[in-house]
N, C-alpha and C. Protein backbone atom coordinates (compact mmCIF):
# COMPACT_ATOMS: atom_id res chain seq x y z
N UNK A 1 -29.66 29.90 -31.34
CA UNK A 1 -28.96 28.64 -31.33
C UNK A 1 -27.58 28.77 -30.67
N UNK A 2 -26.93 29.90 -30.78
CA UNK A 2 -25.62 30.07 -30.18
C UNK A 2 -25.68 29.92 -28.66
N UNK A 3 -26.77 30.40 -28.08
CA UNK A 3 -26.94 30.28 -26.63
C UNK A 3 -27.07 28.81 -26.23
N UNK A 4 -27.81 28.03 -26.98
CA UNK A 4 -27.97 26.61 -26.67
C UNK A 4 -26.65 25.85 -26.87
N UNK A 5 -25.90 26.22 -27.90
CA UNK A 5 -24.59 25.59 -28.11
C UNK A 5 -23.65 25.91 -26.96
N UNK A 6 -23.67 27.14 -26.53
CA UNK A 6 -22.83 27.57 -25.41
C UNK A 6 -23.23 26.83 -24.13
N UNK A 7 -24.52 26.69 -23.90
CA UNK A 7 -25.02 25.98 -22.73
C UNK A 7 -24.59 24.52 -22.77
N UNK A 8 -24.70 23.90 -23.94
CA UNK A 8 -24.28 22.50 -24.09
C UNK A 8 -22.79 22.35 -23.82
N UNK A 9 -21.99 23.28 -24.33
CA UNK A 9 -20.54 23.23 -24.09
C UNK A 9 -20.23 23.33 -22.60
N UNK A 10 -20.89 24.25 -21.92
CA UNK A 10 -20.65 24.43 -20.49
C UNK A 10 -21.10 23.22 -19.69
N UNK A 11 -22.23 22.62 -20.07
CA UNK A 11 -22.70 21.42 -19.38
C UNK A 11 -21.76 20.25 -19.62
N UNK A 12 -21.25 20.13 -20.84
CA UNK A 12 -20.27 19.08 -21.13
C UNK A 12 -19.00 19.27 -20.32
N UNK A 13 -18.55 20.52 -20.23
CA UNK A 13 -17.34 20.83 -19.46
C UNK A 13 -17.56 20.53 -17.99
N UNK A 14 -18.71 20.92 -17.46
CA UNK A 14 -19.01 20.65 -16.06
C UNK A 14 -19.09 19.15 -15.79
N UNK A 15 -19.66 18.41 -16.73
CA UNK A 15 -19.75 16.96 -16.59
C UNK A 15 -18.37 16.32 -16.58
N UNK A 16 -17.48 16.82 -17.43
CA UNK A 16 -16.12 16.28 -17.48
C UNK A 16 -15.38 16.60 -16.18
N UNK A 17 -15.54 17.80 -15.67
CA UNK A 17 -14.89 18.17 -14.42
C UNK A 17 -15.41 17.29 -13.28
N UNK A 18 -16.71 17.06 -13.25
CA UNK A 18 -17.29 16.22 -12.20
C UNK A 18 -16.79 14.78 -12.32
N UNK A 19 -16.71 14.26 -13.52
CA UNK A 19 -16.23 12.89 -13.71
C UNK A 19 -14.75 12.78 -13.32
N UNK A 20 -13.96 13.79 -13.67
CA UNK A 20 -12.54 13.79 -13.29
C UNK A 20 -12.39 13.82 -11.77
N UNK A 21 -13.21 14.62 -11.10
CA UNK A 21 -13.16 14.69 -9.64
C UNK A 21 -13.56 13.35 -9.02
N UNK A 22 -14.57 12.72 -9.58
CA UNK A 22 -15.00 11.41 -9.09
C UNK A 22 -13.89 10.38 -9.27
N UNK A 23 -13.28 10.36 -10.45
CA UNK A 23 -12.19 9.41 -10.72
C UNK A 23 -11.00 9.66 -9.80
N UNK A 24 -10.69 10.92 -9.56
CA UNK A 24 -9.58 11.27 -8.67
C UNK A 24 -9.87 10.78 -7.25
N UNK A 25 -11.08 11.01 -6.78
CA UNK A 25 -11.46 10.56 -5.44
C UNK A 25 -11.40 9.05 -5.32
N UNK A 26 -11.84 8.37 -6.36
CA UNK A 26 -11.81 6.91 -6.37
C UNK A 26 -10.37 6.40 -6.30
N UNK A 27 -9.47 7.02 -7.06
CA UNK A 27 -8.06 6.62 -7.05
C UNK A 27 -7.43 6.91 -5.70
N UNK A 28 -7.75 8.06 -5.12
CA UNK A 28 -7.21 8.40 -3.80
C UNK A 28 -7.68 7.40 -2.73
N UNK A 29 -8.94 7.01 -2.79
CA UNK A 29 -9.46 6.04 -1.84
C UNK A 29 -8.78 4.69 -2.02
N UNK A 30 -8.59 4.28 -3.25
CA UNK A 30 -7.91 3.02 -3.53
C UNK A 30 -6.46 3.07 -3.02
N UNK A 31 -5.78 4.19 -3.22
CA UNK A 31 -4.40 4.34 -2.73
C UNK A 31 -4.36 4.29 -1.20
N UNK A 32 -5.33 4.93 -0.57
CA UNK A 32 -5.39 4.93 0.89
C UNK A 32 -5.60 3.52 1.43
N UNK A 33 -6.53 2.80 0.84
CA UNK A 33 -6.81 1.43 1.28
C UNK A 33 -5.62 0.51 1.03
N UNK A 34 -4.95 0.68 -0.10
CA UNK A 34 -3.78 -0.13 -0.40
C UNK A 34 -2.64 0.18 0.56
N UNK A 35 -2.49 1.46 0.90
CA UNK A 35 -1.46 1.85 1.88
C UNK A 35 -1.78 1.23 3.24
N UNK A 36 -3.06 1.17 3.60
CA UNK A 36 -3.44 0.51 4.86
C UNK A 36 -3.07 -0.97 4.84
N UNK A 37 -3.29 -1.63 3.71
CA UNK A 37 -2.91 -3.04 3.59
C UNK A 37 -1.40 -3.22 3.72
N UNK A 38 -0.64 -2.30 3.13
CA UNK A 38 0.82 -2.36 3.26
C UNK A 38 1.23 -2.16 4.71
N UNK A 39 0.58 -1.24 5.40
CA UNK A 39 0.89 -1.02 6.82
C UNK A 39 0.57 -2.26 7.66
N UNK A 40 -0.55 -2.90 7.37
CA UNK A 40 -0.90 -4.13 8.11
C UNK A 40 0.09 -5.25 7.82
N UNK A 41 0.56 -5.33 6.58
CA UNK A 41 1.55 -6.35 6.23
C UNK A 41 2.87 -6.07 6.94
N UNK A 42 3.26 -4.80 7.02
CA UNK A 42 4.49 -4.43 7.73
C UNK A 42 4.35 -4.74 9.22
N UNK A 43 3.18 -4.48 9.75
CA UNK A 43 2.93 -4.77 11.15
C UNK A 43 3.01 -6.28 11.41
N UNK A 44 2.43 -7.06 10.53
CA UNK A 44 2.49 -8.52 10.68
C UNK A 44 3.92 -9.02 10.62
N UNK A 45 4.69 -8.49 9.70
CA UNK A 45 6.10 -8.87 9.58
C UNK A 45 6.85 -8.48 10.86
N UNK A 46 6.61 -7.30 11.35
CA UNK A 46 7.27 -6.84 12.58
C UNK A 46 6.91 -7.71 13.77
N UNK A 47 5.64 -8.04 13.91
CA UNK A 47 5.21 -8.92 15.00
C UNK A 47 5.85 -10.30 14.89
N UNK A 48 5.92 -10.83 13.68
CA UNK A 48 6.51 -12.16 13.48
C UNK A 48 7.98 -12.16 13.87
N UNK A 49 8.72 -11.13 13.47
CA UNK A 49 10.13 -11.04 13.82
C UNK A 49 10.27 -10.87 15.33
N UNK A 50 9.45 -10.02 15.92
CA UNK A 50 9.50 -9.77 17.36
C UNK A 50 9.24 -11.06 18.15
N UNK A 51 8.20 -11.79 17.77
CA UNK A 51 7.85 -13.02 18.48
C UNK A 51 8.94 -14.08 18.32
N UNK A 52 9.51 -14.15 17.13
CA UNK A 52 10.59 -15.12 16.91
C UNK A 52 11.80 -14.77 17.78
N UNK A 53 12.19 -13.51 17.80
CA UNK A 53 13.34 -13.09 18.60
C UNK A 53 13.05 -13.25 20.09
N UNK A 54 11.82 -12.96 20.47
CA UNK A 54 11.43 -13.11 21.88
C UNK A 54 11.51 -14.57 22.30
N UNK A 55 11.22 -15.46 21.38
CA UNK A 55 11.31 -16.89 21.65
C UNK A 55 12.72 -17.44 21.50
N UNK A 56 13.67 -16.58 21.20
CA UNK A 56 15.06 -17.00 21.11
C UNK A 56 15.41 -17.69 19.81
N UNK A 57 14.67 -17.41 18.77
CA UNK A 57 14.95 -18.06 17.49
C UNK A 57 14.85 -17.01 16.38
N UNK A 58 15.22 -17.42 15.20
CA UNK A 58 15.06 -16.55 14.02
C UNK A 58 13.75 -16.91 13.32
N UNK A 59 13.25 -15.95 12.60
CA UNK A 59 12.03 -16.17 11.82
C UNK A 59 12.35 -17.11 10.67
N UNK A 60 11.51 -18.13 10.48
CA UNK A 60 11.80 -19.07 9.40
C UNK A 60 11.67 -18.37 8.05
N UNK A 61 12.43 -18.85 7.09
CA UNK A 61 12.54 -18.21 5.78
C UNK A 61 11.21 -18.19 5.04
N UNK A 62 10.43 -19.24 5.14
CA UNK A 62 9.15 -19.30 4.41
C UNK A 62 8.18 -18.23 4.91
N UNK A 63 8.11 -18.07 6.24
CA UNK A 63 7.22 -17.05 6.81
C UNK A 63 7.70 -15.65 6.42
N UNK A 64 9.02 -15.44 6.53
CA UNK A 64 9.57 -14.14 6.15
C UNK A 64 9.27 -13.83 4.68
N UNK A 65 9.53 -14.79 3.82
CA UNK A 65 9.30 -14.59 2.38
C UNK A 65 7.84 -14.27 2.08
N UNK A 66 6.92 -14.99 2.73
CA UNK A 66 5.49 -14.77 2.50
C UNK A 66 5.08 -13.37 2.96
N UNK A 67 5.49 -13.00 4.18
CA UNK A 67 5.11 -11.69 4.71
C UNK A 67 5.79 -10.55 3.95
N UNK A 68 7.05 -10.73 3.59
CA UNK A 68 7.77 -9.69 2.83
C UNK A 68 7.18 -9.52 1.44
N UNK A 69 6.78 -10.62 0.81
CA UNK A 69 6.17 -10.52 -0.53
C UNK A 69 4.83 -9.79 -0.47
N UNK A 70 4.04 -10.07 0.57
CA UNK A 70 2.76 -9.38 0.74
C UNK A 70 3.00 -7.88 0.93
N UNK A 71 3.96 -7.56 1.78
CA UNK A 71 4.30 -6.15 2.02
C UNK A 71 4.77 -5.48 0.74
N UNK A 72 5.64 -6.13 0.00
CA UNK A 72 6.17 -5.55 -1.24
C UNK A 72 5.06 -5.33 -2.26
N UNK A 73 4.15 -6.27 -2.38
CA UNK A 73 3.04 -6.15 -3.32
C UNK A 73 2.17 -4.93 -3.00
N UNK A 74 1.76 -4.83 -1.75
CA UNK A 74 0.89 -3.70 -1.36
C UNK A 74 1.63 -2.37 -1.43
N UNK A 75 2.89 -2.38 -1.02
CA UNK A 75 3.66 -1.13 -1.02
C UNK A 75 3.89 -0.62 -2.44
N UNK A 76 4.23 -1.52 -3.36
CA UNK A 76 4.46 -1.08 -4.74
C UNK A 76 3.16 -0.63 -5.40
N UNK A 77 2.05 -1.29 -5.10
CA UNK A 77 0.76 -0.87 -5.65
C UNK A 77 0.36 0.51 -5.11
N UNK A 78 0.56 0.72 -3.82
CA UNK A 78 0.25 2.03 -3.24
C UNK A 78 1.14 3.12 -3.85
N UNK A 79 2.41 2.82 -4.04
CA UNK A 79 3.32 3.79 -4.64
C UNK A 79 2.90 4.11 -6.07
N UNK A 80 2.46 3.09 -6.82
CA UNK A 80 2.01 3.31 -8.19
C UNK A 80 0.77 4.22 -8.22
N UNK A 81 -0.17 3.95 -7.32
CA UNK A 81 -1.39 4.78 -7.28
C UNK A 81 -1.06 6.21 -6.86
N UNK A 82 -0.18 6.37 -5.89
CA UNK A 82 0.20 7.71 -5.44
C UNK A 82 0.94 8.47 -6.55
N UNK A 83 1.75 7.78 -7.32
CA UNK A 83 2.44 8.42 -8.45
C UNK A 83 1.43 8.82 -9.52
N UNK A 84 0.42 7.99 -9.74
CA UNK A 84 -0.64 8.31 -10.70
C UNK A 84 -1.41 9.55 -10.27
N UNK A 85 -1.71 9.65 -8.98
CA UNK A 85 -2.40 10.82 -8.45
C UNK A 85 -1.56 12.07 -8.65
N UNK A 86 -0.28 11.98 -8.35
CA UNK A 86 0.63 13.12 -8.51
C UNK A 86 0.75 13.55 -9.97
N UNK A 87 0.84 12.57 -10.86
CA UNK A 87 0.93 12.87 -12.29
C UNK A 87 -0.33 13.60 -12.77
N UNK A 88 -1.49 13.12 -12.35
CA UNK A 88 -2.75 13.78 -12.75
C UNK A 88 -2.84 15.18 -12.17
N UNK A 89 -2.33 15.37 -10.93
CA UNK A 89 -2.35 16.70 -10.32
C UNK A 89 -1.46 17.65 -11.11
N UNK A 90 -0.28 17.17 -11.51
CA UNK A 90 0.63 18.01 -12.30
C UNK A 90 0.05 18.33 -13.67
N UNK A 91 -0.61 17.36 -14.30
CA UNK A 91 -1.23 17.59 -15.60
C UNK A 91 -2.36 18.61 -15.49
N UNK A 92 -3.14 18.50 -14.43
CA UNK A 92 -4.24 19.45 -14.23
C UNK A 92 -3.69 20.86 -14.00
N UNK A 93 -2.62 20.97 -13.23
CA UNK A 93 -2.01 22.28 -12.97
C UNK A 93 -1.45 22.87 -14.27
N UNK A 94 -0.82 22.02 -15.07
CA UNK A 94 -0.27 22.50 -16.34
C UNK A 94 -1.39 22.90 -17.29
N UNK A 95 -2.47 22.16 -17.29
CA UNK A 95 -3.61 22.48 -18.13
C UNK A 95 -4.24 23.82 -17.73
N UNK A 96 -4.37 24.01 -16.41
CA UNK A 96 -4.93 25.29 -15.92
C UNK A 96 -4.01 26.44 -16.27
N UNK A 97 -2.70 26.22 -16.15
CA UNK A 97 -1.74 27.28 -16.45
C UNK A 97 -1.76 27.63 -17.94
N UNK A 98 -1.85 26.61 -18.79
CA UNK A 98 -1.85 26.88 -20.23
C UNK A 98 -3.15 27.52 -20.67
N UNK A 99 -4.27 27.17 -20.06
CA UNK A 99 -5.54 27.78 -20.46
C UNK A 99 -5.63 29.22 -19.98
N UNK A 100 -4.98 29.53 -18.85
CA UNK A 100 -5.03 30.92 -18.38
C UNK A 100 -4.07 31.80 -19.18
N UNK A 101 -2.98 31.25 -19.70
CA UNK A 101 -2.05 32.07 -20.48
C UNK A 101 -2.46 32.20 -21.93
N UNK A 102 -3.29 31.27 -22.44
CA UNK A 102 -3.73 31.35 -23.82
C UNK A 102 -5.04 32.10 -23.96
N UNK A 103 -5.47 32.70 -22.88
CA UNK A 103 -6.69 33.49 -22.95
C UNK A 103 -7.94 32.67 -22.84
N UNK A 104 -7.93 31.69 -21.94
CA UNK A 104 -9.10 30.85 -21.74
C UNK A 104 -10.19 31.62 -21.03
N UNK A 105 -10.81 32.56 -21.73
CA UNK A 105 -11.82 33.42 -21.10
C UNK A 105 -13.09 32.67 -20.80
N UNK A 106 -13.37 31.57 -21.47
CA UNK A 106 -14.59 30.82 -21.22
C UNK A 106 -14.57 30.23 -19.82
N UNK A 107 -13.42 29.72 -19.38
CA UNK A 107 -13.37 29.11 -18.06
C UNK A 107 -13.29 30.17 -16.97
N UNK A 108 -12.60 31.28 -17.25
CA UNK A 108 -12.49 32.27 -16.20
C UNK A 108 -13.77 33.06 -16.01
N UNK A 109 -14.55 33.25 -17.05
CA UNK A 109 -15.78 34.01 -16.89
C UNK A 109 -16.86 33.19 -16.20
N UNK A 110 -16.82 31.87 -16.35
CA UNK A 110 -17.84 31.04 -15.72
C UNK A 110 -17.46 30.63 -14.31
N UNK A 111 -16.19 30.84 -13.91
CA UNK A 111 -15.75 30.42 -12.59
C UNK A 111 -16.16 31.40 -11.50
N UNK A 112 -16.38 32.65 -11.83
CA UNK A 112 -16.74 33.61 -10.80
C UNK A 112 -17.79 34.58 -11.35
N UNK A 113 -18.64 34.96 -10.44
CA UNK A 113 -19.71 35.90 -10.78
C UNK A 113 -19.51 37.12 -9.90
N UNK A 114 -19.33 38.30 -10.49
CA UNK A 114 -19.04 39.48 -9.70
C UNK A 114 -20.16 39.86 -8.74
N UNK A 115 -21.40 39.55 -9.07
CA UNK A 115 -22.48 39.98 -8.23
C UNK A 115 -22.91 38.94 -7.21
N UNK A 116 -22.27 37.76 -7.21
CA UNK A 116 -22.68 36.72 -6.27
C UNK A 116 -22.06 36.97 -4.91
N UNK A 117 -22.81 36.70 -3.84
CA UNK A 117 -22.27 36.89 -2.50
C UNK A 117 -21.26 35.79 -2.18
N UNK A 118 -20.25 36.13 -1.40
CA UNK A 118 -19.20 35.15 -1.04
C UNK A 118 -19.48 34.53 0.29
């Protein structure tokens, strides 16, 4: 029974690692797409200002406010997602460091096999 319990623990751990990797990838993709939206909003704002100046006028306040608000929304959302990714990366690094210093032999013995080819 101890072997089956150990196998179940390892499968649960592997499942959690896989789910964490999936969630991380999903968050990274969302941050990337949001950053692209912020870049497109900045580009639109830049084009609007350029066209207005080229036409010898200033950009009207309503257009500026609309484009700036869109840019601010996407930029702050992208920054929030990027901060979340960084926080999770730091937590994972701290978790790995604490498990290696507390004698986490279960994770280190299953991570490498001495007889496996590289």
